[in-house]
Amino acid sequence: MERHTIQAERIRSALTKTEYATSGGRSTFMLLEAGTGTFISDEVERDVTGPCLIWAPTGWSTRIALVAGTRGFLIRMPERALGRALPTDVLSAHVRQVVSRRIFLSDLSRPAIQSFTTLFDKMETELREIAPGSEAVLHHCVALLLIDIWRAAAPPLQASEPQPHRISDSFLNLVELHLQNHWTIAEYARRIGVPRDRLNDAVRRAIGIPPHAHIQRRLMEEAKALLVTTNLQVAEVGYKLGFGDAAYFTRFFRRHESLAPAQFRRTYTPLYRTRSEEVSFAEWP
């Protein structure tokens, strides 16, 4: 792992609003220790408040706007660094599944924050001092970071009544993990351990739309990405997203986009390929 492929940057208290951006070529990890901001990535825009964890994997162009006084740190990593750092034992599939999706976690425990902070401090030191063996140290730090993200994003079920922000966090992360499974809202509520009405209220409060609308939006976002960035047949795109019938996938896509998948591909693939920076699907009709 070459040193220059990883970036570790401290977010210091500033007198004015600060914005951080990363292209789809790098994964972004951010820990806000204090302060507030807005996370923007394609069709997702979400207010965040520290302490919180944000993870945006490779493939998503990301902007994070922070208000004055916000503190924390940011780590950017290319796909190659992540591939080498993923566990090779039985944890591999579990960790890979979690870090392949966007994650938002609030109400982090003090031990979790301390663990992430210790890893950042070590990576920052290794990148700055270029000591012998620093590449190996960075490799292991990234591996530990991925495991810590996995642990934080998949906590054991709590016996106490979950708070609204925890309910919405759990729902959003479960959607990223099980989008292709086409779970019902009742199933999401059951997995989180809350009534369906409470899940609906918590999600509406957090992102402004009901759970079902968020799932539909995420399916469309994934479908658009696959249509313009891969050579998969339309039917294969549908199957990859969990649609058992190609005709049903086409009807679903047309209902949301007013274009058939094949028409959408013909229209927007040339645009995607000719632009110098990654196309945001939020810019499309």
C-alpha atoms as a PDB file:
ATOM      1  CA  MET A   1       0.000   0.000   0.000  1.00  0.00           C
ATOM      2  CA  GLU A   2       1.665   3.218  -1.095  1.00  0.00           C
ATOM      3  CA  ARG A   3       1.579   6.041   1.368  1.00  0.00           C
ATOM      4  CA  HIS A   4       0.183   8.667  -1.002  1.00  0.00           C
ATOM      5  CA  THR A   5      -2.927   6.590  -1.725  1.00  0.00           C
ATOM      6  CA  ILE A   6      -4.275   7.153   1.798  1.00  0.00           C
ATOM      7  CA  GLN A   7      -5.154  10.567   3.209  1.00  0.00           C
ATOM      8  CA  ALA A   8      -5.714  11.314   6.895  1.00  0.00           C
ATOM      9  CA  GLU A   9      -6.922  14.830   7.622  1.00  0.00           C
ATOM     10  CA  ARG A  10      -7.914  16.419  10.899  1.00  0.00           C
ATOM     11  CA  ILE A  11     -11.042  18.580  10.896  1.00  0.00           C
ATOM     12  CA  ARG A  12     -10.150  21.571  13.029  1.00  0.00           C
ATOM     13  CA  SER A  13     -12.473  24.165  14.453  1.00  0.00           C
ATOM     14  CA  ALA A  14     -12.890  26.884  11.830  1.00  0.00           C
ATOM     15  CA  LEU A  15     -14.511  30.294  11.885  1.00  0.00           C
ATOM     16  CA  THR A  16     -16.441  29.668   8.683  1.00  0.00           C
ATOM     17  CA  LYS A  17     -18.307  26.845   7.008  1.00  0.00           C
ATOM     18  CA  THR A  18     -15.989  24.152   5.616  1.00  0.00           C
ATOM     19  CA  GLU A  19     -16.663  21.651   2.831  1.00  0.00           C
ATOM     20  CA  TYR A  20     -14.900  18.381   2.050  1.00  0.00           C
ATOM     21  CA  ALA A  21     -15.379  16.537  -1.235  1.00  0.00           C
ATOM     22  CA  THR A  22     -14.184  13.217  -2.584  1.00  0.00           C
ATOM     23  CA  SER A  23     -14.632  11.566  -5.968  1.00  0.00           C
ATOM     24  CA  GLY A  24     -16.078   8.111  -6.444  1.00  0.00           C
ATOM     25  CA  GLY A  25     -12.568   6.682  -6.676  1.00  0.00           C
ATOM     26  CA  ARG A  26     -11.990   6.658  -2.926  1.00  0.00           C
ATOM     27  CA  SER A  27     -13.834   5.456   0.139  1.00  0.00           C
ATOM     28  CA  THR A  28     -14.400   8.130   2.760  1.00  0.00           C
ATOM     29  CA  PHE A  29     -14.482   7.660   6.529  1.00  0.00           C
ATOM     30  CA  MET A  30     -15.402  10.615   8.711  1.00  0.00           C
ATOM     31  CA  LEU A  31     -15.845  10.866  12.446  1.00  0.00           C
ATOM     32  CA  LEU A  32     -17.446  14.064  13.706  1.00  0.00           C
ATOM     33  CA  GLU A  33     -16.557  14.511  17.361  1.00  0.00           C
ATOM     34  CA  ALA A  34     -18.617  17.688  17.748  1.00  0.00           C
ATOM     35  CA  GLY A  35     -20.558  20.037  15.504  1.00  0.00           C
ATOM     36  CA  THR A  36     -23.030  19.662  12.657  1.00  0.00           C
ATOM     37  CA  GLY A  37     -23.047  19.425   8.893  1.00  0.00           C
ATOM     38  CA  THR A  38     -24.732  18.046   5.792  1.00  0.00           C
ATOM     39  CA  PHE A  39     -23.775  14.872   3.926  1.00  0.00           C
ATOM     40  CA  ILE A  40     -24.523  14.955   0.170  1.00  0.00           C
ATOM     41  CA  SER A  41     -24.008  11.965  -2.135  1.00  0.00           C
ATOM     42  CA  ASP A  42     -25.992  11.512  -5.352  1.00  0.00           C
ATOM     43  CA  GLU A  43     -29.659  11.436  -4.318  1.00  0.00           C
ATOM     44  CA  VAL A  44     -28.930  11.295  -0.584  1.00  0.00           C
ATOM     45  CA  GLU A  45     -28.749  14.497   1.473  1.00  0.00           C
ATOM     46  CA  ARG A  46     -28.700  14.167   5.227  1.00  0.00           C
ATOM     47  CA  ASP A  47     -28.010  16.420   8.202  1.00  0.00           C
ATOM     48  CA  VAL A  48     -25.467  14.977  10.640  1.00  0.00           C
ATOM     49  CA  THR A  49     -24.563  15.930  14.209  1.00  0.00           C
ATOM     50  CA  GLY A  50     -21.499  14.876  16.178  1.00  0.00           C
ATOM     51  CA  PRO A  51     -20.592  12.549  17.600  1.00  0.00           C
ATOM     52  CA  CYS A  52     -21.341  10.489  14.519  1.00  0.00           C
ATOM     53  CA  LEU A  53     -19.695   8.183  12.004  1.00  0.00           C
ATOM     54  CA  ILE A  54     -20.028   8.521   8.231  1.00  0.00           C
ATOM     55  CA  TRP A  55     -18.787   5.923   5.745  1.00  0.00           C
ATOM     56  CA  ALA A  56     -19.124   6.350   1.962  1.00  0.00           C
ATOM     57  CA  PRO A  57     -17.579   3.482  -0.048  1.00  0.00           C
ATOM     58  CA  THR A  58     -15.860   3.679  -3.412  1.00  0.00           C
ATOM     59  CA  GLY A  59     -18.252   4.582  -6.229  1.00  0.00           C
ATOM     60  CA  TRP A  60     -20.061   7.469  -4.552  1.00  0.00           C
ATOM     61  CA  SER A  61     -19.043  11.074  -5.123  1.00  0.00           C
ATOM     62  CA  THR A  62     -19.414  12.710  -1.743  1.00  0.00           C
ATOM     63  CA  ARG A  63     -19.599  16.234  -0.320  1.00  0.00           C
ATOM     64  CA  ILE A  64     -19.745  17.006   3.383  1.00  0.00           C
ATOM     65  CA  ALA A  65     -20.450  20.603   4.402  1.00  0.00           C
ATOM     66  CA  LEU A  66     -19.597  21.415   8.036  1.00  0.00           C
ATOM     67  CA  VAL A  67     -20.615  24.422  10.102  1.00  0.00           C
ATOM     68  CA  ALA A  68     -18.062  26.543  11.936  1.00  0.00           C
ATOM     69  CA  GLY A  69     -16.682  24.923  15.073  1.00  0.00           C
ATOM     70  CA  THR A  70     -17.048  21.326  13.893  1.00  0.00           C
ATOM     71  CA  ARG A  71     -14.270  18.963  15.012  1.00  0.00           C
ATOM     72  CA  GLY A  72     -13.287  15.474  13.904  1.00  0.00           C
ATOM     73  CA  PHE A  73     -11.210  13.738  11.273  1.00  0.00           C
ATOM     74  CA  LEU A  74     -11.389  12.345   7.762  1.00  0.00           C
ATOM     75  CA  ILE A  75      -9.702   9.342   6.119  1.00  0.00           C
ATOM     76  CA  ARG A  76      -9.791   8.726   2.352  1.00  0.00           C
ATOM     77  CA  MET A  77      -8.754   5.343   0.925  1.00  0.00           C
ATOM     78  CA  PRO A  78      -8.693   3.849  -2.595  1.00  0.00           C
ATOM     79  CA  GLU A  79     -10.348   0.530  -3.401  1.00  0.00           C
ATOM     80  CA  ARG A  80      -6.956  -1.157  -3.659  1.00  0.00           C
ATOM     81  CA  ALA A  81      -6.155  -0.312  -0.045  1.00  0.00           C
ATOM     82  CA  LEU A  82      -9.482  -1.712   1.151  1.00  0.00           C
ATOM     83  CA  GLY A  83      -9.124  -4.906  -0.860  1.00  0.00           C
ATOM     84  CA  ARG A  84      -5.785  -5.688   0.741  1.00  0.00           C
ATOM     85  CA  ALA A  85      -7.003  -4.827   4.240  1.00  0.00           C
ATOM     86  CA  LEU A  86     -10.204  -6.891   4.317  1.00  0.00           C
ATOM     87  CA  PRO A  87     -10.026  -9.907   6.654  1.00  0.00           C
ATOM     88  CA  THR A  88      -9.338 -13.256   4.999  1.00  0.00           C
ATOM     89  CA  ASP A  89     -10.978 -15.416   7.675  1.00  0.00           C
ATOM     90  CA  VAL A  90     -14.655 -16.055   8.409  1.00  0.00           C
ATOM     91  CA  LEU A  91     -15.184 -12.343   9.087  1.00  0.00           C
ATOM     92  CA  SER A  92     -14.428 -11.404   5.491  1.00  0.00           C
ATOM     93  CA  ALA A  93     -17.937 -11.727   4.055  1.00  0.00           C
ATOM     94  CA  HIS A  94     -19.536  -9.939   7.011  1.00  0.00           C
ATOM     95  CA  VAL A  95     -17.113  -7.007   6.962  1.00  0.00           C
ATOM     96  CA  ARG A  96     -17.227  -6.720   3.165  1.00  0.00           C
ATOM     97  CA  GLN A  97     -21.032  -6.640   3.191  1.00  0.00           C
ATOM     98  CA  VAL A  98     -21.130  -3.813   5.716  1.00  0.00           C
ATOM     99  CA  VAL A  99     -18.405  -1.585   4.217  1.00  0.00           C
ATOM    100  CA  SER A 100     -19.780  -1.927   0.683  1.00  0.00           C
ATOM    101  CA  ARG A 101     -22.681   0.334   1.690  1.00  0.00           C
ATOM    102  CA  ARG A 102     -23.020   3.873   2.990  1.00  0.00           C
ATOM    103  CA  ILE A 103     -23.237   4.079   6.772  1.00  0.00           C
ATOM    104  CA  PHE A 104     -24.462   6.780   9.133  1.00  0.00           C
ATOM    105  CA  LEU A 105     -24.177   6.128  12.867  1.00  0.00           C
ATOM    106  CA  SER A 106     -24.989   8.562  15.630  1.00  0.00           C
ATOM    107  CA  ASP A 107     -24.859   8.149  19.400  1.00  0.00           C
ATOM    108  CA  LEU A 108     -21.483   6.390  19.230  1.00  0.00           C
ATOM    109  CA  SER A 109     -20.142   4.974  22.482  1.00  0.00           C
ATOM    110  CA  ARG A 110     -17.102   6.582  24.078  1.00  0.00           C
ATOM    111  CA  PRO A 111     -14.993   3.393  23.627  1.00  0.00           C
ATOM    112  CA  ALA A 112     -15.876   3.309  19.907  1.00  0.00           C
ATOM    113  CA  ILE A 113     -14.906   6.957  19.452  1.00  0.00           C
ATOM    114  CA  GLN A 114     -11.642   6.360  21.301  1.00  0.00           C
ATOM    115  CA  SER A 115     -10.828   3.329  19.143  1.00  0.00           C
ATOM    116  CA  PHE A 116     -11.386   5.271  15.908  1.00  0.00           C
ATOM    117  CA  THR A 117      -9.396   8.227  17.258  1.00  0.00           C
ATOM    118  CA  THR A 118      -6.448   6.021  18.209  1.00  0.00           C
ATOM    119  CA  LEU A 119      -6.362   4.502  14.725  1.00  0.00           C
ATOM    120  CA  PHE A 120      -6.508   7.921  13.080  1.00  0.00           C
ATOM    121  CA  ASP A 121      -3.689   9.247  15.277  1.00  0.00           C
ATOM    122  CA  LYS A 122      -1.522   6.265  14.341  1.00  0.00           C
ATOM    123  CA  MET A 123      -2.238   6.620  10.613  1.00  0.00           C
ATOM    124  CA  GLU A 124      -1.576  10.364  10.724  1.00  0.00           C
ATOM    125  CA  THR A 125       1.779   9.740  12.416  1.00  0.00           C
ATOM    126  CA  GLU A 126       2.829   7.030   9.954  1.00  0.00           C
ATOM    127  CA  LEU A 127       1.905   9.174   6.952  1.00  0.00           C
ATOM    128  CA  ARG A 128       3.840  12.120   8.340  1.00  0.00           C
ATOM    129  CA  GLU A 129       7.013  10.422   9.600  1.00  0.00           C
ATOM    130  CA  ILE A 130       7.546   7.800   6.853  1.00  0.00           C
ATOM    131  CA  ALA A 131       9.323   5.457   9.286  1.00  0.00           C
ATOM    132  CA  PRO A 132      10.619   2.010   8.229  1.00  0.00           C
ATOM    133  CA  GLY A 133       7.725  -0.440   7.981  1.00  0.00           C
ATOM    134  CA  SER A 134       5.111   2.308   7.793  1.00  0.00           C
ATOM    135  CA  GLU A 135       3.350   0.693   4.827  1.00  0.00           C
ATOM    136  CA  ALA A 136       2.759  -2.472   6.847  1.00  0.00           C
ATOM    137  CA  VAL A 137       1.497  -0.409   9.785  1.00  0.00           C
ATOM    138  CA  LEU A 138      -0.913   1.494   7.527  1.00  0.00           C
ATOM    139  CA  HIS A 139      -2.172  -1.774   6.073  1.00  0.00           C
ATOM    140  CA  HIS A 140      -3.000  -3.106   9.537  1.00  0.00           C
ATOM    141  CA  CYS A 141      -4.553   0.202  10.613  1.00  0.00           C
ATOM    142  CA  VAL A 142      -6.949   0.086   7.653  1.00  0.00           C
ATOM    143  CA  ALA A 143      -7.804  -3.535   8.499  1.00  0.00           C
ATOM    144  CA  LEU A 144      -8.596  -2.556  12.095  1.00  0.00           C
ATOM    145  CA  LEU A 145     -10.602   0.446  10.882  1.00  0.00           C
ATOM    146  CA  LEU A 146     -12.812  -1.755   8.689  1.00  0.00           C
ATOM    147  CA  ILE A 147     -13.439  -4.165  11.560  1.00  0.00           C
ATOM    148  CA  ASP A 148     -14.299  -1.282  13.898  1.00  0.00           C
ATOM    149  CA  ILE A 149     -16.753   0.074  11.305  1.00  0.00           C
ATOM    150  CA  TRP A 150     -18.324  -3.371  11.030  1.00  0.00           C
ATOM    151  CA  ARG A 151     -18.630  -3.657  14.806  1.00  0.00           C
ATOM    152  CA  ALA A 152     -20.198  -0.220  15.116  1.00  0.00           C
ATOM    153  CA  ALA A 153     -22.632  -0.757  12.225  1.00  0.00           C
ATOM    154  CA  ALA A 154     -23.826  -4.160  13.404  1.00  0.00           C
ATOM    155  CA  PRO A 155     -24.249  -3.791  17.178  1.00  0.00           C
ATOM    156  CA  PRO A 156     -26.052  -6.417  19.258  1.00  0.00           C
ATOM    157  CA  LEU A 157     -29.746  -5.813  19.803  1.00  0.00           C
ATOM    158  CA  GLN A 158     -30.391  -3.707  22.872  1.00  0.00           C
ATOM    159  CA  ALA A 159     -33.008  -4.627  25.414  1.00  0.00           C
ATOM    160  CA  SER A 160     -33.894  -0.997  26.057  1.00  0.00           C
ATOM    161  CA  GLU A 161     -36.366   0.940  23.933  1.00  0.00           C
ATOM    162  CA  PRO A 162     -34.455   2.396  20.941  1.00  0.00           C
ATOM    163  CA  GLN A 163     -34.437   6.152  20.388  1.00  0.00           C
ATOM    164  CA  PRO A 164     -35.807   7.613  17.096  1.00  0.00           C
ATOM    165  CA  HIS A 165     -32.366   8.448  15.705  1.00  0.00           C
ATOM    166  CA  ARG A 166     -31.172   4.916  16.458  1.00  0.00           C
ATOM    167  CA  ILE A 167     -34.261   3.489  14.727  1.00  0.00           C
ATOM    168  CA  SER A 168     -33.638   5.546  11.589  1.00  0.00           C
ATOM    169  CA  ASP A 169     -29.907   4.716  11.618  1.00  0.00           C
ATOM    170  CA  SER A 170     -30.704   1.010  11.909  1.00  0.00           C
ATOM    171  CA  PHE A 171     -33.238   1.189   9.098  1.00  0.00           C
ATOM    172  CA  LEU A 172     -30.931   3.065   6.711  1.00  0.00           C
ATOM    173  CA  ASN A 173     -28.093   0.632   7.332  1.00  0.00           C
ATOM    174  CA  LEU A 174     -30.354  -2.417   6.961  1.00  0.00           C
ATOM    175  CA  VAL A 175     -31.613  -1.055   3.641  1.00  0.00           C
ATOM    176  CA  GLU A 176     -28.029  -0.799   2.392  1.00  0.00           C
ATOM    177  CA  LEU A 177     -27.346  -4.374   3.469  1.00  0.00           C
ATOM    178  CA  HIS A 178     -30.594  -5.961   2.267  1.00  0.00           C
ATOM    179  CA  LEU A 179     -31.799  -3.791  -0.606  1.00  0.00           C
ATOM    180  CA  GLN A 180     -31.797  -6.738  -3.019  1.00  0.00           C
ATOM    181  CA  ASN A 181     -33.858  -8.850  -0.614  1.00  0.00           C
ATOM    182  CA  HIS A 182     -36.949  -6.651  -1.090  1.00  0.00           C
ATOM    183  CA  TRP A 183     -37.952  -6.855   2.559  1.00  0.00           C
ATOM    184  CA  THR A 184     -41.327  -5.452   3.518  1.00  0.00           C
ATOM    185  CA  ILE A 185     -41.483  -2.498   5.905  1.00  0.00           C
ATOM    186  CA  ALA A 186     -42.951  -4.883   8.459  1.00  0.00           C
ATOM    187  CA  GLU A 187     -39.838  -7.063   8.168  1.00  0.00           C
ATOM    188  CA  TYR A 188     -37.525  -4.081   8.696  1.00  0.00           C
ATOM    189  CA  ALA A 189     -39.556  -3.102  11.753  1.00  0.00           C
ATOM    190  CA  ARG A 190     -39.353  -6.659  13.092  1.00  0.00           C
ATOM    191  CA  ARG A 191     -35.567  -6.798  12.623  1.00  0.00           C
ATOM    192  CA  ILE A 192     -35.136  -3.461  14.393  1.00  0.00           C
ATOM    193  CA  GLY A 193     -37.556  -4.466  17.127  1.00  0.00           C
ATOM    194  CA  VAL A 194     -40.106  -1.657  16.857  1.00  0.00           C
ATOM    195  CA  PRO A 195     -43.714  -1.352  15.620  1.00  0.00           C
ATOM    196  CA  ARG A 196     -44.137  -0.445  11.958  1.00  0.00           C
ATOM    197  CA  ASP A 197     -45.774   2.900  12.810  1.00  0.00           C
ATOM    198  CA  ARG A 198     -42.836   3.894  15.010  1.00  0.00           C
ATOM    199  CA  LEU A 199     -40.371   2.982  12.270  1.00  0.00           C
ATOM    200  CA  ASN A 200     -42.343   5.082   9.791  1.00  0.00           C
ATOM    201  CA  ASP A 201     -42.382   8.100  12.125  1.00  0.00           C
ATOM    202  CA  ALA A 202     -38.658   7.852  12.933  1.00  0.00           C
ATOM    203  CA  VAL A 203     -37.612   7.573   9.292  1.00  0.00           C
ATOM    204  CA  ARG A 204     -39.875  10.428   8.182  1.00  0.00           C
ATOM    205  CA  ARG A 205     -38.409  12.614  10.908  1.00  0.00           C
ATOM    206  CA  ALA A 206     -34.825  11.742   9.922  1.00  0.00           C
ATOM    207  CA  ILE A 207     -34.925  11.949   6.104  1.00  0.00           C
ATOM    208  CA  GLY A 208     -38.261  13.539   5.265  1.00  0.00           C
ATOM    209  CA  ILE A 209     -39.791  10.601   3.388  1.00  0.00           C
ATOM    210  CA  PRO A 210     -41.380   7.310   4.504  1.00  0.00           C
ATOM    211  CA  PRO A 211     -39.410   4.035   4.566  1.00  0.00           C
ATOM    212  CA  HIS A 212     -41.026   2.635   1.414  1.00  0.00           C
ATOM    213  CA  ALA A 213     -40.135   5.752  -0.602  1.00  0.00           C
ATOM    214  CA  HIS A 214     -36.518   5.554   0.552  1.00  0.00           C
ATOM    215  CA  ILE A 215     -36.267   1.914  -0.534  1.00  0.00           C
ATOM    216  CA  GLN A 216     -37.758   2.734  -3.944  1.00  0.00           C
ATOM    217  CA  ARG A 217     -35.329   5.629  -4.358  1.00  0.00           C
ATOM    218  CA  ARG A 218     -32.334   3.459  -3.465  1.00  0.00           C
ATOM    219  CA  LEU A 219     -33.400   0.745  -5.912  1.00  0.00           C
ATOM    220  CA  MET A 220     -33.654   3.322  -8.681  1.00  0.00           C
ATOM    221  CA  GLU A 221     -30.289   4.807  -7.769  1.00  0.00           C
ATOM    222  CA  GLU A 222     -28.641   1.382  -7.959  1.00  0.00           C
ATOM    223  CA  ALA A 223     -30.463   0.524 -11.188  1.00  0.00           C
ATOM    224  CA  LYS A 224     -29.298   3.727 -12.886  1.00  0.00           C
ATOM    225  CA  ALA A 225     -25.709   3.134 -11.796  1.00  0.00           C
ATOM    226  CA  LEU A 226     -25.688  -0.432 -13.118  1.00  0.00           C
ATOM    227  CA  LEU A 227     -27.278   0.568 -16.417  1.00  0.00           C
ATOM    228  CA  VAL A 228     -24.704   3.231 -17.263  1.00  0.00           C
ATOM    229  CA  THR A 229     -21.554   1.784 -15.668  1.00  0.00           C
ATOM    230  CA  THR A 230     -21.801  -1.930 -16.546  1.00  0.00           C
ATOM    231  CA  ASN A 231     -22.443  -4.106 -19.591  1.00  0.00           C
ATOM    232  CA  LEU A 232     -25.072  -6.186 -17.813  1.00  0.00           C
ATOM    233  CA  GLN A 233     -28.212  -6.909 -19.792  1.00  0.00           C
ATOM    234  CA  VAL A 234     -31.347  -5.187 -18.526  1.00  0.00           C
ATOM    235  CA  ALA A 235     -32.643  -8.495 -17.195  1.00  0.00           C
ATOM    236  CA  GLU A 236     -29.340  -9.082 -15.387  1.00  0.00           C
ATOM    237  CA  VAL A 237     -29.551  -5.662 -13.767  1.00  0.00           C
ATOM    238  CA  GLY A 238     -33.013  -6.544 -12.533  1.00  0.00           C
ATOM    239  CA  TYR A 239     -31.879  -9.915 -11.178  1.00  0.00           C
ATOM    240  CA  LYS A 240     -28.902  -8.287  -9.448  1.00  0.00           C
ATOM    241  CA  LEU A 241     -31.300  -5.949  -7.679  1.00  0.00           C
ATOM    242  CA  GLY A 242     -33.538  -8.797  -6.576  1.00  0.00           C
ATOM    243  CA  PHE A 243     -36.255  -8.612  -9.242  1.00  0.00           C
ATOM    244  CA  GLY A 244     -37.167 -12.176 -10.136  1.00  0.00           C
ATOM    245  CA  ASP A 245     -38.837 -11.146 -13.385  1.00  0.00           C
ATOM    246  CA  ALA A 246     -37.300  -8.867 -16.037  1.00  0.00           C
ATOM    247  CA  ALA A 247     -40.696  -7.525 -17.104  1.00  0.00           C
ATOM    248  CA  TYR A 248     -41.492  -6.540 -13.518  1.00  0.00           C
ATOM    249  CA  PHE A 249     -38.151  -4.712 -13.251  1.00  0.00           C
ATOM    250  CA  THR A 250     -38.911  -2.817 -16.477  1.00  0.00           C
ATOM    251  CA  ARG A 251     -42.356  -1.799 -15.199  1.00  0.00           C
ATOM    252  CA  PHE A 252     -40.850  -0.700 -11.885  1.00  0.00           C
ATOM    253  CA  PHE A 253     -38.179   1.388 -13.622  1.00  0.00           C
ATOM    254  CA  ARG A 254     -40.606   2.991 -16.085  1.00  0.00           C
ATOM    255  CA  ARG A 255     -43.009   3.874 -13.281  1.00  0.00           C
ATOM    256  CA  HIS A 256     -40.307   5.909 -11.518  1.00  0.00           C
ATOM    257  CA  GLU A 257     -38.379   7.270 -14.496  1.00  0.00           C
ATOM    258  CA  SER A 258     -40.926   7.448 -17.374  1.00  0.00           C
ATOM    259  CA  LEU A 259     -38.326   5.633 -19.494  1.00  0.00           C
ATOM    260  CA  ALA A 260     -37.696   1.945 -20.036  1.00  0.00           C
ATOM    261  CA  PRO A 261     -34.287   0.759 -18.718  1.00  0.00           C
ATOM    262  CA  ALA A 262     -32.925   0.243 -22.243  1.00  0.00           C
ATOM    263  CA  GLN A 263     -33.974   3.758 -23.264  1.00  0.00           C
ATOM    264  CA  PHE A 264     -32.397   5.200 -20.139  1.00  0.00           C
ATOM    265  CA  ARG A 265     -29.120   3.407 -20.923  1.00  0.00           C
ATOM    266  CA  ARG A 266     -29.049   4.679 -24.516  1.00  0.00           C
ATOM    267  CA  THR A 267     -29.771   8.227 -23.377  1.00  0.00           C
ATOM    268  CA  TYR A 268     -27.429   8.575 -20.425  1.00  0.00           C
ATOM    269  CA  THR A 269     -24.492   6.217 -21.002  1.00  0.00           C
ATOM    270  CA  PRO A 270     -22.880   8.584 -23.568  1.00  0.00           C
ATOM    271  CA  LEU A 271     -23.280  11.452 -21.081  1.00  0.00           C
ATOM    272  CA  TYR A 272     -21.630   9.411 -18.343  1.00  0.00           C
ATOM    273  CA  ARG A 273     -18.709   8.372 -20.552  1.00  0.00           C
ATOM    274  CA  THR A 274     -17.949  11.824 -21.936  1.00  0.00           C
ATOM    275  CA  ARG A 275     -17.991  13.804 -18.709  1.00  0.00           C
ATOM    276  CA  SER A 276     -14.692  14.213 -16.928  1.00  0.00           C
ATOM    277  CA  GLU A 277     -16.136  13.741 -13.472  1.00  0.00           C
ATOM    278  CA  GLU A 278     -18.590  11.228 -12.144  1.00  0.00           C
ATOM    279  CA  VAL A 279     -22.203  11.924 -13.053  1.00  0.00           C
ATOM    280  CA  SER A 280     -24.560  12.473 -10.161  1.00  0.00           C
ATOM    281  CA  PHE A 281     -27.804  10.662 -10.792  1.00  0.00           C
ATOM    282  CA  ALA A 282     -29.568  13.428  -8.884  1.00  0.00           C
ATOM    283  CA  GLU A 283     -28.860  15.705 -11.856  1.00  0.00           C
ATOM    284  CA  TRP A 284     -30.844  13.504 -14.231  1.00  0.00           C
ATOM    285  CA  PRO A 285     -34.575  13.843 -14.891  1.00  0.00           C
END
